[in-house]
Amino acid sequence: MNTTSRAAAIRQPQDAEVLATATASVRLLIDSNEAGGSSSTIEVTLGKGADGATPHYHTLSDELFYVADGELQVWAGDKMATVGAGGAIVVPKFMPHAFGAAPESTARILIALTPGVERHGYFRFLERLAQGQATPADIQAAQEDFDNHFIDEPRWWAERNANRA
């Protein structure tokens, strides 16, 4: 018996939009508007030791990371951890965090923001930025638009750079 008026949100693998750089790819799965505001989901694949997101926080959503393959290095609040395949972490809203593939590993992760916010547009913005179609000055406006607030976190960069060849 269906007791909800909302339809299930379904994205077939071949229908997911894929954005890619030399070191990472993002598969846009289901965004907030498709999920009735409950969540926004993406899959991120990072090359060996590749950086994911720089230090930032969200004001509207908690963020779930599920590590499907490889190892993910995560900084959340005052904790630095490496999470292997099958592991997960939930970062509460307002908690600064960052992530990247562990230095000697690749990583494939599912990320879900709950409740959902429109996030797929943010990843399209990052692609335009990488292609020179947006400027670093545009990042300030994008922070508010996509609830992605960047911070400086020297401890994260010290850890990431200490393990680079």
C-alpha atoms as a PDB file:
ATOM      1  CA  MET A   1       0.000   0.000   0.000  1.00  0.00           C
ATOM      2  CA  ASN A   2       1.435   3.409  -1.017  1.00  0.00           C
ATOM      3  CA  THR A   3       0.779   5.924   1.741  1.00  0.00           C
ATOM      4  CA  THR A   4       2.732   8.835   0.233  1.00  0.00           C
ATOM      5  CA  SER A   5       1.760  11.236  -2.489  1.00  0.00           C
ATOM      6  CA  ARG A   6       5.356  11.539  -3.695  1.00  0.00           C
ATOM      7  CA  ALA A   7       6.751   9.249  -6.371  1.00  0.00           C
ATOM      8  CA  ALA A   8      10.017   7.388  -5.852  1.00  0.00           C
ATOM      9  CA  ALA A   9      13.028   9.134  -7.368  1.00  0.00           C
ATOM     10  CA  ILE A  10      14.940   6.728  -9.610  1.00  0.00           C
ATOM     11  CA  ARG A  11      18.091   7.348 -11.639  1.00  0.00           C
ATOM     12  CA  GLN A  12      19.334   4.566 -13.888  1.00  0.00           C
ATOM     13  CA  PRO A  13      23.161   4.353 -14.152  1.00  0.00           C
ATOM     14  CA  GLN A  14      23.227   5.275 -17.833  1.00  0.00           C
ATOM     15  CA  ASP A  15      21.063   8.346 -17.184  1.00  0.00           C
ATOM     16  CA  ALA A  16      23.326  10.017 -14.599  1.00  0.00           C
ATOM     17  CA  GLU A  17      25.104  13.172 -15.772  1.00  0.00           C
ATOM     18  CA  VAL A  18      28.882  12.810 -15.369  1.00  0.00           C
ATOM     19  CA  LEU A  19      31.294  15.706 -14.804  1.00  0.00           C
ATOM     20  CA  ALA A  20      35.021  14.957 -14.864  1.00  0.00           C
ATOM     21  CA  THR A  21      38.499  16.397 -14.448  1.00  0.00           C
ATOM     22  CA  ALA A  22      41.857  14.667 -14.831  1.00  0.00           C
ATOM     23  CA  THR A  23      41.743  13.421 -11.217  1.00  0.00           C
ATOM     24  CA  ALA A  24      38.050  13.115 -10.317  1.00  0.00           C
ATOM     25  CA  SER A  25      34.597  12.425 -11.673  1.00  0.00           C
ATOM     26  CA  VAL A  26      31.185  13.220 -10.251  1.00  0.00           C
ATOM     27  CA  ARG A  27      28.017  11.363 -11.187  1.00  0.00           C
ATOM     28  CA  LEU A  28      24.954  13.499 -10.453  1.00  0.00           C
ATOM     29  CA  LEU A  29      22.422  11.010  -9.110  1.00  0.00           C
ATOM     30  CA  ILE A  30      19.272  12.469  -7.531  1.00  0.00           C
ATOM     31  CA  ASP A  31      18.962  16.120  -6.513  1.00  0.00           C
ATOM     32  CA  SER A  32      16.728  17.631  -3.851  1.00  0.00           C
ATOM     33  CA  ASN A  33      13.970  18.736  -6.235  1.00  0.00           C
ATOM     34  CA  GLU A  34      13.621  15.145  -7.499  1.00  0.00           C
ATOM     35  CA  ALA A  35      13.565  13.692  -3.969  1.00  0.00           C
ATOM     36  CA  GLY A  36      10.932  16.002  -2.518  1.00  0.00           C
ATOM     37  CA  GLY A  37      13.623  17.839  -0.559  1.00  0.00           C
ATOM     38  CA  SER A  38      14.669  14.779   1.443  1.00  0.00           C
ATOM     39  CA  SER A  39      18.196  14.371   0.044  1.00  0.00           C
ATOM     40  CA  SER A  40      20.706  15.234  -2.663  1.00  0.00           C
ATOM     41  CA  THR A  41      22.994  12.442  -3.869  1.00  0.00           C
ATOM     42  CA  ILE A  42      26.139  12.161  -5.950  1.00  0.00           C
ATOM     43  CA  GLU A  43      28.857   9.590  -6.562  1.00  0.00           C
ATOM     44  CA  VAL A  44      32.457  10.829  -6.568  1.00  0.00           C
ATOM     45  CA  THR A  45      35.418   8.880  -7.925  1.00  0.00           C
ATOM     46  CA  LEU A  46      38.866  10.186  -6.982  1.00  0.00           C
ATOM     47  CA  GLY A  47      42.187   9.166  -8.507  1.00  0.00           C
ATOM     48  CA  LYS A  48      45.091   8.007  -6.353  1.00  0.00           C
ATOM     49  CA  GLY A  49      45.655  10.618  -3.625  1.00  0.00           C
ATOM     50  CA  ALA A  50      43.370  13.139  -5.371  1.00  0.00           C
ATOM     51  CA  ASP A  51      41.819  15.981  -3.420  1.00  0.00           C
ATOM     52  CA  GLY A  52      38.053  16.028  -3.113  1.00  0.00           C
ATOM     53  CA  ALA A  53      36.495  18.986  -1.348  1.00  0.00           C
ATOM     54  CA  THR A  54      38.559  21.696   0.322  1.00  0.00           C
ATOM     55  CA  PRO A  55      37.645  22.702   3.901  1.00  0.00           C
ATOM     56  CA  HIS A  56      34.070  23.948   4.123  1.00  0.00           C
ATOM     57  CA  TYR A  57      30.813  23.554   6.047  1.00  0.00           C
ATOM     58  CA  HIS A  58      27.078  23.509   5.348  1.00  0.00           C
ATOM     59  CA  THR A  59      24.385  25.368   7.305  1.00  0.00           C
ATOM     60  CA  LEU A  60      21.328  23.482   6.058  1.00  0.00           C
ATOM     61  CA  SER A  61      22.266  19.793   5.801  1.00  0.00           C
ATOM     62  CA  ASP A  62      24.163  16.937   7.371  1.00  0.00           C
ATOM     63  CA  GLU A  63      26.449  15.115   4.917  1.00  0.00           C
ATOM     64  CA  LEU A  64      26.802  11.340   4.653  1.00  0.00           C
ATOM     65  CA  PHE A  65      29.864   9.799   2.993  1.00  0.00           C
ATOM     66  CA  TYR A  66      29.751   6.079   2.158  1.00  0.00           C
ATOM     67  CA  VAL A  67      33.048   4.653   0.891  1.00  0.00           C
ATOM     68  CA  ALA A  68      32.217   2.108  -1.810  1.00  0.00           C
ATOM     69  CA  ASP A  69      35.814   1.449  -2.953  1.00  0.00           C
ATOM     70  CA  GLY A  70      39.303   2.467  -1.866  1.00  0.00           C
ATOM     71  CA  GLU A  71      40.133   4.691   1.080  1.00  0.00           C
ATOM     72  CA  LEU A  72      38.942   8.193   1.888  1.00  0.00           C
ATOM     73  CA  GLN A  73      40.893  10.621   4.054  1.00  0.00           C
ATOM     74  CA  VAL A  74      38.457  12.861   5.941  1.00  0.00           C
ATOM     75  CA  TRP A  75      38.829  15.819   8.239  1.00  0.00           C
ATOM     76  CA  ALA A  76      35.704  16.597  10.282  1.00  0.00           C
ATOM     77  CA  GLY A  77      35.768  19.117  13.114  1.00  0.00           C
ATOM     78  CA  ASP A  78      38.909  18.204  15.048  1.00  0.00           C
ATOM     79  CA  LYS A  79      39.201  14.621  13.752  1.00  0.00           C
ATOM     80  CA  MET A  80      41.329  13.300  10.899  1.00  0.00           C
ATOM     81  CA  ALA A  81      40.461   9.764   9.791  1.00  0.00           C
ATOM     82  CA  THR A  82      40.979   7.360   6.924  1.00  0.00           C
ATOM     83  CA  VAL A  83      37.838   5.382   6.128  1.00  0.00           C
ATOM     84  CA  GLY A  84      38.049   2.206   4.051  1.00  0.00           C
ATOM     85  CA  ALA A  85      35.599   0.551   1.672  1.00  0.00           C
ATOM     86  CA  GLY A  86      32.341  -0.271   3.423  1.00  0.00           C
ATOM     87  CA  GLY A  87      32.808   2.508   5.986  1.00  0.00           C
ATOM     88  CA  ALA A  88      30.823   5.698   6.410  1.00  0.00           C
ATOM     89  CA  ILE A  89      30.902   9.052   8.139  1.00  0.00           C
ATOM     90  CA  VAL A  90      28.143  11.572   8.831  1.00  0.00           C
ATOM     91  CA  VAL A  91      29.218  15.197   9.217  1.00  0.00           C
ATOM     92  CA  PRO A  92      26.659  17.388  11.032  1.00  0.00           C
ATOM     93  CA  LYS A  93      25.711  20.756   9.577  1.00  0.00           C
ATOM     94  CA  PHE A  94      28.012  23.618  10.680  1.00  0.00           C
ATOM     95  CA  MET A  95      30.950  21.212  11.191  1.00  0.00           C
ATOM     96  CA  PRO A  96      33.961  22.122   9.025  1.00  0.00           C
ATOM     97  CA  HIS A  97      35.150  19.190   6.918  1.00  0.00           C
ATOM     98  CA  ALA A  98      37.194  18.188   3.866  1.00  0.00           C
ATOM     99  CA  PHE A  99      38.016  14.968   2.048  1.00  0.00           C
ATOM    100  CA  GLY A 100      40.268  13.359  -0.524  1.00  0.00           C
ATOM    101  CA  ALA A 101      41.460   9.930  -1.581  1.00  0.00           C
ATOM    102  CA  ALA A 102      44.019   8.546   0.864  1.00  0.00           C
ATOM    103  CA  PRO A 103      47.592   9.212  -0.329  1.00  0.00           C
ATOM    104  CA  GLU A 104      48.196   5.713  -1.749  1.00  0.00           C
ATOM    105  CA  SER A 105      44.611   4.935  -2.747  1.00  0.00           C
ATOM    106  CA  THR A 106      41.766   5.820  -5.052  1.00  0.00           C
ATOM    107  CA  ALA A 107      38.276   6.295  -3.635  1.00  0.00           C
ATOM    108  CA  ARG A 108      34.722   5.927  -4.885  1.00  0.00           C
ATOM    109  CA  ILE A 109      32.142   7.434  -2.543  1.00  0.00           C
ATOM    110  CA  LEU A 110      28.439   8.113  -2.337  1.00  0.00           C
ATOM    111  CA  ILE A 111      27.594  11.479  -0.818  1.00  0.00           C
ATOM    112  CA  ALA A 112      24.120  12.372   0.436  1.00  0.00           C
ATOM    113  CA  LEU A 113      23.048  15.679   1.936  1.00  0.00           C
ATOM    114  CA  THR A 114      20.006  15.487   4.205  1.00  0.00           C
ATOM    115  CA  PRO A 115      17.748  17.320   4.074  1.00  0.00           C
ATOM    116  CA  GLY A 116      18.456  17.939   0.451  1.00  0.00           C
ATOM    117  CA  VAL A 117      19.577  21.188  -1.106  1.00  0.00           C
ATOM    118  CA  GLU A 118      20.013  21.776  -4.812  1.00  0.00           C
ATOM    119  CA  ARG A 119      23.622  20.585  -5.245  1.00  0.00           C
ATOM    120  CA  HIS A 120      23.910  19.431  -8.836  1.00  0.00           C
ATOM    121  CA  GLY A 121      24.100  23.060  -9.967  1.00  0.00           C
ATOM    122  CA  TYR A 122      27.107  23.505  -7.662  1.00  0.00           C
ATOM    123  CA  PHE A 123      29.037  20.755  -9.424  1.00  0.00           C
ATOM    124  CA  ARG A 124      28.130  22.233 -12.806  1.00  0.00           C
ATOM    125  CA  PHE A 125      29.460  25.570 -11.487  1.00  0.00           C
ATOM    126  CA  LEU A 126      32.741  23.891 -10.464  1.00  0.00           C
ATOM    127  CA  GLU A 127      33.048  22.444 -13.971  1.00  0.00           C
ATOM    128  CA  ARG A 128      32.542  25.919 -15.488  1.00  0.00           C
ATOM    129  CA  LEU A 129      35.166  27.272 -13.070  1.00  0.00           C
ATOM    130  CA  ALA A 130      37.665  24.572 -14.129  1.00  0.00           C
ATOM    131  CA  GLN A 131      36.994  25.383 -17.791  1.00  0.00           C
ATOM    132  CA  GLY A 132      37.532  29.126 -17.266  1.00  0.00           C
ATOM    133  CA  GLN A 133      33.859  29.935 -17.849  1.00  0.00           C
ATOM    134  CA  ALA A 134      33.503  31.261 -14.285  1.00  0.00           C
ATOM    135  CA  THR A 135      35.963  33.181 -12.152  1.00  0.00           C
ATOM    136  CA  PRO A 136      37.226  32.642  -8.610  1.00  0.00           C
ATOM    137  CA  ALA A 137      35.292  35.811  -7.680  1.00  0.00           C
ATOM    138  CA  ASP A 138      32.100  33.903  -8.548  1.00  0.00           C
ATOM    139  CA  ILE A 139      32.849  31.458  -5.717  1.00  0.00           C
ATOM    140  CA  GLN A 140      31.644  33.933  -3.068  1.00  0.00           C
ATOM    141  CA  ALA A 141      28.155  34.095  -4.571  1.00  0.00           C
ATOM    142  CA  ALA A 142      28.117  30.343  -5.117  1.00  0.00           C
ATOM    143  CA  GLN A 143      28.763  29.736  -1.403  1.00  0.00           C
ATOM    144  CA  GLU A 144      25.383  31.194  -0.486  1.00  0.00           C
ATOM    145  CA  ASP A 145      23.569  29.761  -3.495  1.00  0.00           C
ATOM    146  CA  PHE A 146      24.688  26.198  -2.757  1.00  0.00           C
ATOM    147  CA  ASP A 147      25.228  26.267   1.056  1.00  0.00           C
ATOM    148  CA  ASN A 148      28.933  25.500   0.677  1.00  0.00           C
ATOM    149  CA  HIS A 149      30.942  27.852   2.917  1.00  0.00           C
ATOM    150  CA  PHE A 150      34.725  27.658   2.499  1.00  0.00           C
ATOM    151  CA  ILE A 151      37.174  28.147   5.353  1.00  0.00           C
ATOM    152  CA  ASP A 152      40.937  28.120   5.783  1.00  0.00           C
ATOM    153  CA  GLU A 153      42.175  25.040   7.609  1.00  0.00           C
ATOM    154  CA  PRO A 154      45.974  24.764   7.728  1.00  0.00           C
ATOM    155  CA  ARG A 155      45.869  21.400   9.589  1.00  0.00           C
ATOM    156  CA  TRP A 156      44.042  19.775   6.666  1.00  0.00           C
ATOM    157  CA  TRP A 157      46.524  21.075   4.105  1.00  0.00           C
ATOM    158  CA  ALA A 158      49.506  20.169   6.302  1.00  0.00           C
ATOM    159  CA  GLU A 159      48.270  16.581   6.518  1.00  0.00           C
ATOM    160  CA  ARG A 160      47.438  16.328   2.817  1.00  0.00           C
ATOM    161  CA  ASN A 161      50.725  17.868   1.665  1.00  0.00           C
ATOM    162  CA  ALA A 162      52.868  15.840   4.093  1.00  0.00           C
ATOM    163  CA  ASN A 163      51.860  12.668   2.255  1.00  0.00           C
ATOM    164  CA  ARG A 164      52.383  13.845  -1.314  1.00  0.00           C
ATOM    165  CA  ALA A 165      55.318  12.567  -3.329  1.00  0.00           C
END
